[in-house]
PDB file of all heavy atoms in Angstrom:
ATOM      1  N   HIS A   1       0.833  -1.203   0.000  1.00  0.00           N
ATOM      2  CA  HIS A   1       0.000   0.000   0.000  1.00  0.00           C
ATOM      3  C   HIS A   1       0.869   1.255   0.000  1.00  0.00           C
ATOM      4  O   HIS A   1       0.617   2.215  -0.739  1.00  0.00           O
ATOM      5  CB  HIS A   1      -0.918  -0.005   1.227  1.00  0.00           C
ATOM      6  CG  HIS A   1      -1.935   1.099   1.215  1.00  0.00           C
ATOM      7  ND1 HIS A   1      -2.412   1.679   2.367  1.00  0.00           N
ATOM      8  CD2 HIS A   1      -2.543   1.741   0.184  1.00  0.00           C
ATOM      9  CE1 HIS A   1      -3.277   2.629   2.042  1.00  0.00           C
ATOM     10  NE2 HIS A   1      -3.377   2.675   0.730  1.00  0.00           N
ATOM     11  N   ILE A   2       1.918   1.240   0.815  1.00  0.00           N
ATOM     12  CA  ILE A   2       2.836   2.387   0.882  1.00  0.00           C
ATOM     13  C   ILE A   2       3.536   2.593  -0.457  1.00  0.00           C
ATOM     14  O   ILE A   2       3.609   3.710  -0.981  1.00  0.00           O
ATOM     15  CB  ILE A   2       3.864   2.179   2.013  1.00  0.00           C
ATOM     16  CG1 ILE A   2       3.180   2.320   3.383  1.00  0.00           C
ATOM     17  CG2 ILE A   2       5.013   3.173   1.899  1.00  0.00           C
ATOM     18  CD1 ILE A   2       4.062   1.946   4.546  1.00  0.00           C
ATOM     19  N   LEU A   3       4.051   1.531  -1.032  1.00  0.00           N
ATOM     20  CA  LEU A   3       4.819   1.649  -2.277  1.00  0.00           C
ATOM     21  C   LEU A   3       3.943   2.059  -3.456  1.00  0.00           C
ATOM     22  O   LEU A   3       4.384   2.792  -4.343  1.00  0.00           O
ATOM     23  CB  LEU A   3       5.530   0.332  -2.585  1.00  0.00           C
ATOM     24  CG  LEU A   3       6.643  -0.073  -1.599  1.00  0.00           C
ATOM     25  CD1 LEU A   3       7.207  -1.436  -1.976  1.00  0.00           C
ATOM     26  CD2 LEU A   3       7.747   0.969  -1.580  1.00  0.00           C
ATOM     27  N   ARG A   4       2.695   1.589  -3.478  1.00  0.00           N
ATOM     28  CA  ARG A   4       1.826   1.878  -4.629  1.00  0.00           C
ATOM     29  C   ARG A   4       1.259   3.290  -4.594  1.00  0.00           C
ATOM     30  O   ARG A   4       1.072   3.916  -5.631  1.00  0.00           O
ATOM     31  CB  ARG A   4       0.670   0.871  -4.676  1.00  0.00           C
ATOM     32  CG  ARG A   4       1.016  -0.466  -5.296  1.00  0.00           C
ATOM     33  CD  ARG A   4      -0.258  -1.229  -5.662  1.00  0.00           C
ATOM     34  NE  ARG A   4      -1.120  -1.402  -4.502  1.00  0.00           N
ATOM     35  CZ  ARG A   4      -1.111  -2.467  -3.713  1.00  0.00           C
ATOM     36  NH1 ARG A   4      -0.266  -3.450  -3.952  1.00  0.00           N
ATOM     37  NH2 ARG A   4      -1.929  -2.553  -2.678  1.00  0.00           N
ATOM     38  N   ASN A   5       0.971   3.797  -3.410  1.00  0.00           N
ATOM     39  CA  ASN A   5       0.187   5.029  -3.318  1.00  0.00           C
ATOM     40  C   ASN A   5       0.938   6.230  -2.761  1.00  0.00           C
ATOM     41  O   ASN A   5       0.383   7.318  -2.674  1.00  0.00           O
ATOM     42  CB  ASN A   5      -1.048   4.785  -2.439  1.00  0.00           C
ATOM     43  CG  ASN A   5      -1.923   3.688  -2.999  1.00  0.00           C
ATOM     44  OD1 ASN A   5      -2.508   3.826  -4.063  1.00  0.00           O
ATOM     45  ND2 ASN A   5      -2.007   2.574  -2.276  1.00  0.00           N
ATOM     46  N   SER A   6       2.179   6.040  -2.379  1.00  0.00           N
ATOM     47  CA  SER A   6       2.868   7.146  -1.713  1.00  0.00           C
ATOM     48  C   SER A   6       3.624   8.017  -2.702  1.00  0.00           C
ATOM     49  O   SER A   6       4.124   7.552  -3.708  1.00  0.00           O
ATOM     50  CB  SER A   6       3.845   6.587  -0.677  1.00  0.00           C
ATOM     51  OG  SER A   6       4.819   5.783  -1.311  1.00  0.00           O
ATOM     52  N   ASN A   7       3.652   9.285  -2.385  1.00  0.00           N
ATOM     53  CA  ASN A   7       4.550  10.230  -3.044  1.00  0.00           C
ATOM     54  C   ASN A   7       4.900  11.305  -2.029  1.00  0.00           C
ATOM     55  O   ASN A   7       4.564  11.185  -0.845  1.00  0.00           O
ATOM     56  CB  ASN A   7       3.926  10.834  -4.314  1.00  0.00           C
ATOM     57  CG  ASN A   7       2.591  11.502  -4.029  1.00  0.00           C
ATOM     58  OD1 ASN A   7       2.436  12.195  -3.023  1.00  0.00           O
ATOM     59  ND2 ASN A   7       1.628  11.293  -4.914  1.00  0.00           N
ATOM     60  N   ASP A   8       5.557  12.342  -2.468  1.00  0.00           N
ATOM     61  CA  ASP A   8       6.032  13.353  -1.524  1.00  0.00           C
ATOM     62  C   ASP A   8       4.891  13.981  -0.734  1.00  0.00           C
ATOM     63  O   ASP A   8       5.065  14.386   0.405  1.00  0.00           O
ATOM     64  CB  ASP A   8       6.800  14.440  -2.297  1.00  0.00           C
ATOM     65  CG  ASP A   8       7.491  15.408  -1.364  1.00  0.00           C
ATOM     66  OD1 ASP A   8       7.861  14.984  -0.255  1.00  0.00           O
ATOM     67  OD2 ASP A   8       7.655  16.577  -1.722  1.00  0.00           O
ATOM     68  N   GLU A   9       3.701  14.068  -1.340  1.00  0.00           N
ATOM     69  CA  GLU A   9       2.596  14.759  -0.682  1.00  0.00           C
ATOM     70  C   GLU A   9       1.885  13.890   0.354  1.00  0.00           C
ATOM     71  O   GLU A   9       1.455  14.371   1.389  1.00  0.00           O
ATOM     72  CB  GLU A   9       1.562  15.243  -1.717  1.00  0.00           C
ATOM     73  CG  GLU A   9       2.004  16.455  -2.523  1.00  0.00           C
ATOM     74  CD  GLU A   9       3.050  16.122  -3.568  1.00  0.00           C
ATOM     75  OE1 GLU A   9       3.059  14.980  -4.058  1.00  0.00           O
ATOM     76  OE2 GLU A   9       3.883  17.002  -3.862  1.00  0.00           O
ATOM     77  N   ASN A  10       1.742  12.603   0.103  1.00  0.00           N
ATOM     78  CA  ASN A  10       0.896  11.807   0.993  1.00  0.00           C
ATOM     79  C   ASN A  10       1.585  10.614   1.643  1.00  0.00           C
ATOM     80  O   ASN A  10       0.939   9.834   2.341  1.00  0.00           O
ATOM     81  CB  ASN A  10      -0.336  11.297   0.218  1.00  0.00           C
ATOM     82  CG  ASN A  10       0.043  10.326  -0.895  1.00  0.00           C
ATOM     83  OD1 ASN A  10       1.178   9.886  -0.996  1.00  0.00           O
ATOM     84  ND2 ASN A  10      -0.919   9.990  -1.726  1.00  0.00           N
ATOM     85  N   ILE A  11       2.898  10.469   1.453  1.00  0.00           N
ATOM     86  CA  ILE A  11       3.575   9.281   1.972  1.00  0.00           C
ATOM     87  C   ILE A  11       3.465   9.180   3.483  1.00  0.00           C
ATOM     88  O   ILE A  11       3.254   8.102   4.044  1.00  0.00           O
ATOM     89  CB  ILE A  11       5.056   9.252   1.525  1.00  0.00           C
ATOM     90  CG1 ILE A  11       5.664   7.898   1.905  1.00  0.00           C
ATOM     91  CG2 ILE A  11       5.848  10.406   2.100  1.00  0.00           C
ATOM     92  CD1 ILE A  11       7.011   7.664   1.270  1.00  0.00           C
ATOM     93  N   TRP A  12       3.565  10.317   4.176  1.00  0.00           N
ATOM     94  CA  TRP A  12       3.529  10.268   5.644  1.00  0.00           C
ATOM     95  C   TRP A  12       2.109  10.016   6.151  1.00  0.00           C
ATOM     96  O   TRP A  12       1.934   9.380   7.197  1.00  0.00           O
ATOM     97  CB  TRP A  12       4.113  11.545   6.221  1.00  0.00           C
ATOM     98  CG  TRP A  12       5.498  11.839   5.719  1.00  0.00           C
ATOM     99  CD1 TRP A  12       5.938  12.985   5.137  1.00  0.00           C
ATOM    100  CD2 TRP A  12       6.633  10.961   5.746  1.00  0.00           C
ATOM    101  NE1 TRP A  12       7.260  12.893   4.799  1.00  0.00           N
ATOM    102  CE2 TRP A  12       7.722  11.656   5.154  1.00  0.00           C
ATOM    103  CE3 TRP A  12       6.843   9.660   6.201  1.00  0.00           C
ATOM    104  CZ2 TRP A  12       8.987  11.094   5.020  1.00  0.00           C
ATOM    105  CZ3 TRP A  12       8.108   9.093   6.057  1.00  0.00           C
ATOM    106  CH2 TRP A  12       9.154   9.800   5.477  1.00  0.00           C
ATOM    107  N   LYS A  13       1.105  10.496   5.418  1.00  0.00           N
ATOM    108  CA  LYS A  13      -0.281  10.199   5.805  1.00  0.00           C
ATOM    109  C   LYS A  13      -0.541   8.703   5.733  1.00  0.00           C
ATOM    110  O   LYS A  13      -1.150   8.115   6.643  1.00  0.00           O
ATOM    111  CB  LYS A  13      -1.252  10.932   4.877  1.00  0.00           C
ATOM    112  CG  LYS A  13      -1.317  12.436   5.071  1.00  0.00           C
ATOM    113  CD  LYS A  13      -2.341  13.046   4.136  1.00  0.00           C
ATOM    114  CE  LYS A  13      -2.395  14.561   4.314  1.00  0.00           C
ATOM    115  NZ  LYS A  13      -3.375  15.190   3.391  1.00  0.00           N
ATOM    116  N   ILE A  14      -0.096   8.070   4.656  1.00  0.00           N
ATOM    117  CA  ILE A  14      -0.300   6.628   4.493  1.00  0.00           C
ATOM    118  C   ILE A  14       0.445   5.866   5.578  1.00  0.00           C
ATOM    119  O   ILE A  14      -0.084   4.912   6.174  1.00  0.00           O
ATOM    120  CB  ILE A  14       0.152   6.184   3.090  1.00  0.00           C
ATOM    121  CG1 ILE A  14      -0.740   6.824   2.019  1.00  0.00           C
ATOM    122  CG2 ILE A  14       0.134   4.670   2.968  1.00  0.00           C
ATOM    123  CD1 ILE A  14      -0.311   6.521   0.612  1.00  0.00           C
ATOM    124  N   LEU A  15       1.691   6.301   5.866  1.00  0.00           N
ATOM    125  CA  LEU A  15       2.480   5.623   6.888  1.00  0.00           C
ATOM    126  C   LEU A  15       1.773   5.694   8.248  1.00  0.00           C
ATOM    127  O   LEU A  15       1.670   4.674   8.957  1.00  0.00           O
ATOM    128  CB  LEU A  15       3.872   6.247   6.989  1.00  0.00           C
ATOM    129  CG  LEU A  15       4.756   5.714   8.120  1.00  0.00           C
ATOM    130  CD1 LEU A  15       5.027   4.221   7.943  1.00  0.00           C
ATOM    131  CD2 LEU A  15       6.061   6.493   8.198  1.00  0.00           C
ATOM    132  N   LEU A  16       1.276   6.881   8.624  1.00  0.00           N
ATOM    133  CA  LEU A  16       0.601   7.015   9.918  1.00  0.00           C
ATOM    134  C   LEU A  16      -0.616   6.102  10.005  1.00  0.00           C
ATOM    135  O   LEU A  16      -0.859   5.466  11.040  1.00  0.00           O
ATOM    136  CB  LEU A  16       0.179   8.471  10.147  1.00  0.00           C
ATOM    137  CG  LEU A  16       1.257   9.447  10.609  1.00  0.00           C
ATOM    138  CD1 LEU A  16       0.636  10.785  10.955  1.00  0.00           C
ATOM    139  CD2 LEU A  16       2.032   8.911  11.800  1.00  0.00           C
ATOM    140  N   LYS A  17      -1.387   6.039   8.930  1.00  0.00           N
ATOM    141  CA  LYS A  17      -2.583   5.191   8.948  1.00  0.00           C
ATOM    142  C   LYS A  17      -2.205   3.728   9.142  1.00  0.00           C
ATOM    143  O   LYS A  17      -2.833   3.004   9.933  1.00  0.00           O
ATOM    144  CB  LYS A  17      -3.377   5.373   7.658  1.00  0.00           C
ATOM    145  CG  LYS A  17      -4.684   4.578   7.634  1.00  0.00           C
ATOM    146  CD  LYS A  17      -5.437   4.789   6.344  1.00  0.00           C
ATOM    147  CE  LYS A  17      -6.771   4.032   6.373  1.00  0.00           C
ATOM    148  NZ  LYS A  17      -6.630   2.599   6.703  1.00  0.00           N
ATOM    149  N   GLU A  18      -1.181   3.257   8.432  1.00  0.00           N
ATOM    150  CA  GLU A  18      -0.775   1.852   8.544  1.00  0.00           C
ATOM    151  C   GLU A  18      -0.249   1.553   9.949  1.00  0.00           C
ATOM    152  O   GLU A  18      -0.537   0.495  10.519  1.00  0.00           O
ATOM    153  CB  GLU A  18       0.293   1.523   7.491  1.00  0.00           C
ATOM    154  CG  GLU A  18      -0.179   1.630   6.051  1.00  0.00           C
ATOM    155  CD  GLU A  18      -1.265   0.615   5.715  1.00  0.00           C
ATOM    156  OE1 GLU A  18      -1.415  -0.380   6.457  1.00  0.00           O
ATOM    157  OE2 GLU A  18      -1.972   0.819   4.719  1.00  0.00           O
ATOM    158  N   ILE A  19       0.525   2.479  10.523  1.00  0.00           N
ATOM    159  CA  ILE A  19       1.060   2.247  11.863  1.00  0.00           C
ATOM    160  C   ILE A  19      -0.053   2.294  12.904  1.00  0.00           C
ATOM    161  O   ILE A  19      -0.085   1.484  13.841  1.00  0.00           O
ATOM    162  CB  ILE A  19       2.179   3.263  12.174  1.00  0.00           C
ATOM    163  CG1 ILE A  19       3.437   2.891  11.371  1.00  0.00           C
ATOM    164  CG2 ILE A  19       2.488   3.316  13.660  1.00  0.00           C
ATOM    165  CD1 ILE A  19       4.614   3.785  11.594  1.00  0.00           C
ATOM    166  N   GLN A  20      -0.994   3.227  12.756  1.00  0.00           N
ATOM    167  CA  GLN A  20      -2.107   3.298  13.701  1.00  0.00           C
ATOM    168  C   GLN A  20      -2.955   2.023  13.676  1.00  0.00           C
ATOM    169  O   GLN A  20      -3.481   1.597  14.705  1.00  0.00           O
ATOM    170  CB  GLN A  20      -2.991   4.513  13.392  1.00  0.00           C
ATOM    171  CG  GLN A  20      -2.645   5.766  14.175  1.00  0.00           C
ATOM    172  CD  GLN A  20      -2.939   5.627  15.653  1.00  0.00           C
ATOM    173  OE1 GLN A  20      -2.383   4.790  16.348  1.00  0.00           O
ATOM    174  NE2 GLN A  20      -3.839   6.464  16.154  1.00  0.00           N
ATOM    175  N   ASP A  21      -3.069   1.412  12.493  1.00  0.00           N
ATOM    176  CA  ASP A  21      -3.806   0.149  12.411  1.00  0.00           C
ATOM    177  C   ASP A  21      -3.125  -0.944  13.244  1.00  0.00           C
ATOM    178  O   ASP A  21      -3.781  -1.889  13.693  1.00  0.00           O
ATOM    179  CB  ASP A  21      -3.903  -0.313  10.955  1.00  0.00           C
ATOM    180  CG  ASP A  21      -4.921   0.502  10.167  1.00  0.00           C
ATOM    181  OD1 ASP A  21      -5.690   1.252  10.805  1.00  0.00           O
ATOM    182  OD2 ASP A  21      -4.927   0.399   8.930  1.00  0.00           O
ATOM    183  N   ILE A  22      -1.805  -0.799  13.442  1.00  0.00           N
ATOM    184  CA  ILE A  22      -1.059  -1.796  14.206  1.00  0.00           C
ATOM    185  C   ILE A  22      -1.057  -1.461  15.696  1.00  0.00           C
ATOM    186  O   ILE A  22      -1.302  -2.321  16.539  1.00  0.00           O
ATOM    187  CB  ILE A  22       0.401  -1.881  13.697  1.00  0.00           C
ATOM    188  CG1 ILE A  22       0.422  -2.334  12.237  1.00  0.00           C
ATOM    189  CG2 ILE A  22       1.233  -2.818  14.562  1.00  0.00           C
ATOM    190  CD1 ILE A  22       1.773  -2.163  11.579  1.00  0.00           C
ATOM    191  N   ILE A  23      -0.810  -0.185  16.041  1.00  0.00           N
ATOM    192  CA  ILE A  23      -0.569   0.155  17.447  1.00  0.00           C
ATOM    193  C   ILE A  23      -1.793   0.741  18.145  1.00  0.00           C
ATOM    194  O   ILE A  23      -1.928   0.625  19.361  1.00  0.00           O
ATOM    195  CB  ILE A  23       0.622   1.126  17.562  1.00  0.00           C
ATOM    196  CG1 ILE A  23       0.275   2.497  16.954  1.00  0.00           C
ATOM    197  CG2 ILE A  23       1.867   0.545  16.910  1.00  0.00           C
ATOM    198  CD1 ILE A  23       1.346   3.538  17.161  1.00  0.00           C
ATOM    199  N   ASP A  24      -2.672   1.456  17.404  1.00  0.00           N
ATOM    200  CA  ASP A  24      -3.894   2.033  17.961  1.00  0.00           C
ATOM    201  C   ASP A  24      -3.600   2.911  19.197  1.00  0.00           C
ATOM    202  O   ASP A  24      -4.163   2.711  20.269  1.00  0.00           O
ATOM    203  CB  ASP A  24      -4.896   0.934  18.323  1.00  0.00           C
ATOM    204  CG  ASP A  24      -6.276   1.519  18.653  1.00  0.00           C
ATOM    205  OD1 ASP A  24      -6.605   2.585  18.096  1.00  0.00           O
ATOM    206  OD2 ASP A  24      -6.982   0.916  19.477  1.00  0.00           O
ATOM    207  N   PHE A  25      -2.695   3.902  19.035  1.00  0.00           N
ATOM    208  CA  PHE A  25      -2.417   4.863  20.102  1.00  0.00           C
ATOM    209  C   PHE A  25      -3.365   6.064  19.967  1.00  0.00           C
ATOM    210  O   PHE A  25      -4.011   6.263  18.934  1.00  0.00           O
ATOM    211  CB  PHE A  25      -0.969   5.336  20.018  1.00  0.00           C
ATOM    212  CG  PHE A  25      -0.005   4.498  20.808  1.00  0.00           C
ATOM    213  CD1 PHE A  25      -0.065   3.107  20.769  1.00  0.00           C
ATOM    214  CD2 PHE A  25       0.962   5.082  21.602  1.00  0.00           C
ATOM    215  CE1 PHE A  25       0.819   2.332  21.486  1.00  0.00           C
ATOM    216  CE2 PHE A  25       1.853   4.317  22.336  1.00  0.00           C
ATOM    217  CZ  PHE A  25       1.786   2.936  22.282  1.00  0.00           C
ATOM    218  N   ASP A  26      -3.439   6.882  21.026  1.00  0.00           N
ATOM    219  CA  ASP A  26      -4.303   8.070  20.984  1.00  0.00           C
ATOM    220  C   ASP A  26      -3.834   9.071  19.924  1.00  0.00           C
ATOM    221  O   ASP A  26      -4.647   9.728  19.286  1.00  0.00           O
ATOM    222  CB  ASP A  26      -4.313   8.773  22.353  1.00  0.00           C
ATOM    223  CG  ASP A  26      -5.001   7.926  23.414  1.00  0.00           C
ATOM    224  OD1 ASP A  26      -5.806   7.059  23.024  1.00  0.00           O
ATOM    225  OD2 ASP A  26      -4.720   8.127  24.608  1.00  0.00           O
ATOM    226  N   ARG A  27      -2.514   9.152  19.772  1.00  0.00           N
ATOM    227  CA  ARG A  27      -1.973  10.160  18.853  1.00  0.00           C
ATOM    228  C   ARG A  27      -0.773   9.567  18.121  1.00  0.00           C
ATOM    229  O   ARG A  27       0.093   8.937  18.744  1.00  0.00           O
ATOM    230  CB  ARG A  27      -1.542  11.406  19.633  1.00  0.00           C
ATOM    231  CG  ARG A  27      -1.073  12.572  18.754  1.00  0.00           C
ATOM    232  CD  ARG A  27      -0.423  13.676  19.592  1.00  0.00           C
ATOM    233  NE  ARG A  27      -1.234  14.054  20.742  1.00  0.00           N
ATOM    234  CZ  ARG A  27      -2.229  14.935  20.687  1.00  0.00           C
ATOM    235  NH1 ARG A  27      -2.527  15.534  19.547  1.00  0.00           N
ATOM    236  NH2 ARG A  27      -2.920  15.221  21.792  1.00  0.00           N
ATOM    237  N   ALA A  28      -0.740   9.769  16.808  1.00  0.00           N
ATOM    238  CA  ALA A  28       0.420   9.373  15.999  1.00  0.00           C
ATOM    239  C   ALA A  28       0.827  10.578  15.160  1.00  0.00           C
ATOM    240  O   ALA A  28      -0.014  11.200  14.510  1.00  0.00           O
ATOM    241  CB  ALA A  28       0.094   8.177  15.107  1.00  0.00           C
ATOM    242  N   MET A  29       2.121  10.903  15.185  1.00  0.00           N
ATOM    243  CA  MET A  29       2.596  12.119  14.520  1.00  0.00           C
ATOM    244  C   MET A  29       3.828  11.818  13.661  1.00  0.00           C
ATOM    245  O   MET A  29       4.610  10.916  13.972  1.00  0.00           O
ATOM    246  CB  MET A  29       2.980  13.177  15.568  1.00  0.00           C
ATOM    247  CG  MET A  29       1.868  13.600  16.504  1.00  0.00           C
ATOM    248  SD  MET A  29       2.477  14.689  17.834  1.00  0.00           S
ATOM    249  CE  MET A  29       3.328  13.501  18.877  1.00  0.00           C
ATOM    250  N   ILE A  30       3.984  12.605  12.613  1.00  0.00           N
ATOM    251  CA  ILE A  30       5.250  12.662  11.875  1.00  0.00           C
ATOM    252  C   ILE A  30       5.952  13.931  12.340  1.00  0.00           C
ATOM    253  O   ILE A  30       5.450  15.045  12.157  1.00  0.00           O
ATOM    254  CB  ILE A  30       5.059  12.700  10.353  1.00  0.00           C
ATOM    255  CG1 ILE A  30       4.338  11.440   9.876  1.00  0.00           C
ATOM    256  CG2 ILE A  30       6.406  12.852   9.646  1.00  0.00           C
ATOM    257  CD1 ILE A  30       5.114  10.167  10.035  1.00  0.00           C
ATOM    258  N   TYR A  31       7.100  13.745  12.959  1.00  0.00           N
ATOM    259  CA  TYR A  31       7.865  14.846  13.538  1.00  0.00           C
ATOM    260  C   TYR A  31       9.129  15.028  12.705  1.00  0.00           C
ATOM    261  O   TYR A  31       9.939  14.101  12.572  1.00  0.00           O
ATOM    262  CB  TYR A  31       8.214  14.500  14.984  1.00  0.00           C
ATOM    263  CG  TYR A  31       9.011  15.529  15.739  1.00  0.00           C
ATOM    264  CD1 TYR A  31       8.379  16.537  16.459  1.00  0.00           C
ATOM    265  CD2 TYR A  31      10.400  15.479  15.766  1.00  0.00           C
ATOM    266  CE1 TYR A  31       9.108  17.469  17.184  1.00  0.00           C
ATOM    267  CE2 TYR A  31      11.141  16.400  16.486  1.00  0.00           C
ATOM    268  CZ  TYR A  31      10.491  17.396  17.195  1.00  0.00           C
ATOM    269  OH  TYR A  31      11.218  18.319  17.903  1.00  0.00           O
ATOM    270  N   GLN A  32       9.291  16.210  12.087  1.00  0.00           N
ATOM    271  CA  GLN A  32      10.454  16.463  11.224  1.00  0.00           C
ATOM    272  C   GLN A  32      11.457  17.351  11.949  1.00  0.00           C
ATOM    273  O   GLN A  32      11.103  18.389  12.522  1.00  0.00           O
ATOM    274  CB  GLN A  32      10.027  17.141   9.920  1.00  0.00           C
ATOM    275  CG  GLN A  32      11.198  17.415   8.980  1.00  0.00           C
ATOM    276  CD  GLN A  32      10.778  18.166   7.720  1.00  0.00           C
ATOM    277  OE1 GLN A  32       9.602  18.506   7.561  1.00  0.00           O
ATOM    278  NE2 GLN A  32      11.720  18.429   6.835  1.00  0.00           N
ATOM    279  N   PHE A  33      12.726  16.948  11.914  1.00  0.00           N
ATOM    280  CA  PHE A  33      13.782  17.793  12.467  1.00  0.00           C
ATOM    281  C   PHE A  33      14.101  18.919  11.488  1.00  0.00           C
ATOM    282  O   PHE A  33      14.210  18.690  10.278  1.00  0.00           O
ATOM    283  CB  PHE A  33      15.049  16.971  12.738  1.00  0.00           C
ATOM    284  CG  PHE A  33      14.905  16.023  13.892  1.00  0.00           C
ATOM    285  CD1 PHE A  33      14.771  14.655  13.676  1.00  0.00           C
ATOM    286  CD2 PHE A  33      14.889  16.498  15.190  1.00  0.00           C
ATOM    287  CE1 PHE A  33      14.634  13.785  14.736  1.00  0.00           C
ATOM    288  CE2 PHE A  33      14.749  15.624  16.262  1.00  0.00           C
ATOM    289  CZ  PHE A  33      14.614  14.268  16.038  1.00  0.00           C
ATOM    290  N   LEU A  34      14.262  20.126  12.013  1.00  0.00           N
ATOM    291  CA  LEU A  34      14.616  21.280  11.203  1.00  0.00           C
ATOM    292  C   LEU A  34      16.132  21.477  11.237  1.00  0.00           C
ATOM    293  O   LEU A  34      16.858  20.782  11.937  1.00  0.00           O
ATOM    294  CB  LEU A  34      13.869  22.516  11.700  1.00  0.00           C
ATOM    295  CG  LEU A  34      12.332  22.353  11.753  1.00  0.00           C
ATOM    296  CD1 LEU A  34      11.670  23.624  12.261  1.00  0.00           C
ATOM    297  CD2 LEU A  34      11.781  21.962  10.384  1.00  0.00           C
ATOM    298  N   TYR A  35      16.601  22.464  10.482  1.00  0.00           N
ATOM    299  CA  TYR A  35      18.041  22.635  10.281  1.00  0.00           C
ATOM    300  C   TYR A  35      18.791  22.937  11.583  1.00  0.00           C
ATOM    301  O   TYR A  35      19.981  22.650  11.710  1.00  0.00           O
ATOM    302  CB  TYR A  35      18.310  23.761   9.267  1.00  0.00           C
ATOM    303  CG  TYR A  35      17.909  25.136   9.749  1.00  0.00           C
ATOM    304  CD1 TYR A  35      18.839  25.995  10.328  1.00  0.00           C
ATOM    305  CD2 TYR A  35      16.597  25.583   9.626  1.00  0.00           C
ATOM    306  CE1 TYR A  35      18.470  27.251  10.771  1.00  0.00           C
ATOM    307  CE2 TYR A  35      16.220  26.840  10.065  1.00  0.00           C
ATOM    308  CZ  TYR A  35      17.162  27.671  10.636  1.00  0.00           C
ATOM    309  OH  TYR A  35      16.797  28.917  11.073  1.00  0.00           O
ATOM    310  N   ASP A  36      18.101  23.514  12.591  1.00  0.00           N
ATOM    311  CA  ASP A  36      18.768  23.885  13.835  1.00  0.00           C
ATOM    312  C   ASP A  36      18.572  22.853  14.948  1.00  0.00           C
ATOM    313  O   ASP A  36      18.921  23.094  16.100  1.00  0.00           O
ATOM    314  CB  ASP A  36      18.280  25.250  14.319  1.00  0.00           C
ATOM    315  CG  ASP A  36      16.768  25.281  14.572  1.00  0.00           C
ATOM    316  OD1 ASP A  36      16.101  24.273  14.292  1.00  0.00           O
ATOM    317  OD2 ASP A  36      16.270  26.322  15.030  1.00  0.00           O
ATOM    318  N   GLY A  37      18.028  21.691  14.635  1.00  0.00           N
ATOM    319  CA  GLY A  37      17.823  20.647  15.630  1.00  0.00           C
ATOM    320  C   GLY A  37      16.455  20.678  16.274  1.00  0.00           C
ATOM    321  O   GLY A  37      16.068  19.724  16.951  1.00  0.00           O
ATOM    322  N   SER A  38      15.729  21.787  16.094  1.00  0.00           N
ATOM    323  CA  SER A  38      14.353  21.825  16.587  1.00  0.00           C
ATOM    324  C   SER A  38      13.483  20.975  15.660  1.00  0.00           C
ATOM    325  O   SER A  38      13.971  20.410  14.679  1.00  0.00           O
ATOM    326  CB  SER A  38      13.844  23.268  16.638  1.00  0.00           C
ATOM    327  OG  SER A  38      13.749  23.819  15.336  1.00  0.00           O
ATOM    328  N   GLY A  39      12.178  20.888  15.991  1.00  0.00           N
ATOM    329  CA  GLY A  39      11.328  20.044  15.165  1.00  0.00           C
ATOM    330  C   GLY A  39       9.922  20.582  15.041  1.00  0.00           C
ATOM    331  O   GLY A  39       9.518  21.503  15.762  1.00  0.00           O
ATOM    332  N   GLN A  40       9.189  19.992  14.119  1.00  0.00           N
ATOM    333  CA  GLN A  40       7.814  20.430  13.857  1.00  0.00           C
ATOM    334  C   GLN A  40       6.967  19.210  13.510  1.00  0.00           C
ATOM    335  O   GLN A  40       7.429  18.297  12.808  1.00  0.00           O
ATOM    336  CB  GLN A  40       7.789  21.429  12.701  1.00  0.00           C
ATOM    337  CG  GLN A  40       6.401  21.946  12.361  1.00  0.00           C
ATOM    338  CD  GLN A  40       6.422  22.888  11.167  1.00  0.00           C
ATOM    339  OE1 GLN A  40       7.410  22.971  10.454  1.00  0.00           O
ATOM    340  NE2 GLN A  40       5.332  23.594  10.946  1.00  0.00           N
TER     341      GLN A  40
END
């Protein structure tokens, strides 16, 4: 599913959905590190 449907715009959305189906946590996030070590 990830390989067939992912691209730069939606790859992280698909990944979160697949992982949530496995772990079922209250919150799942994609956290990106920025150039200064902080994150978003």
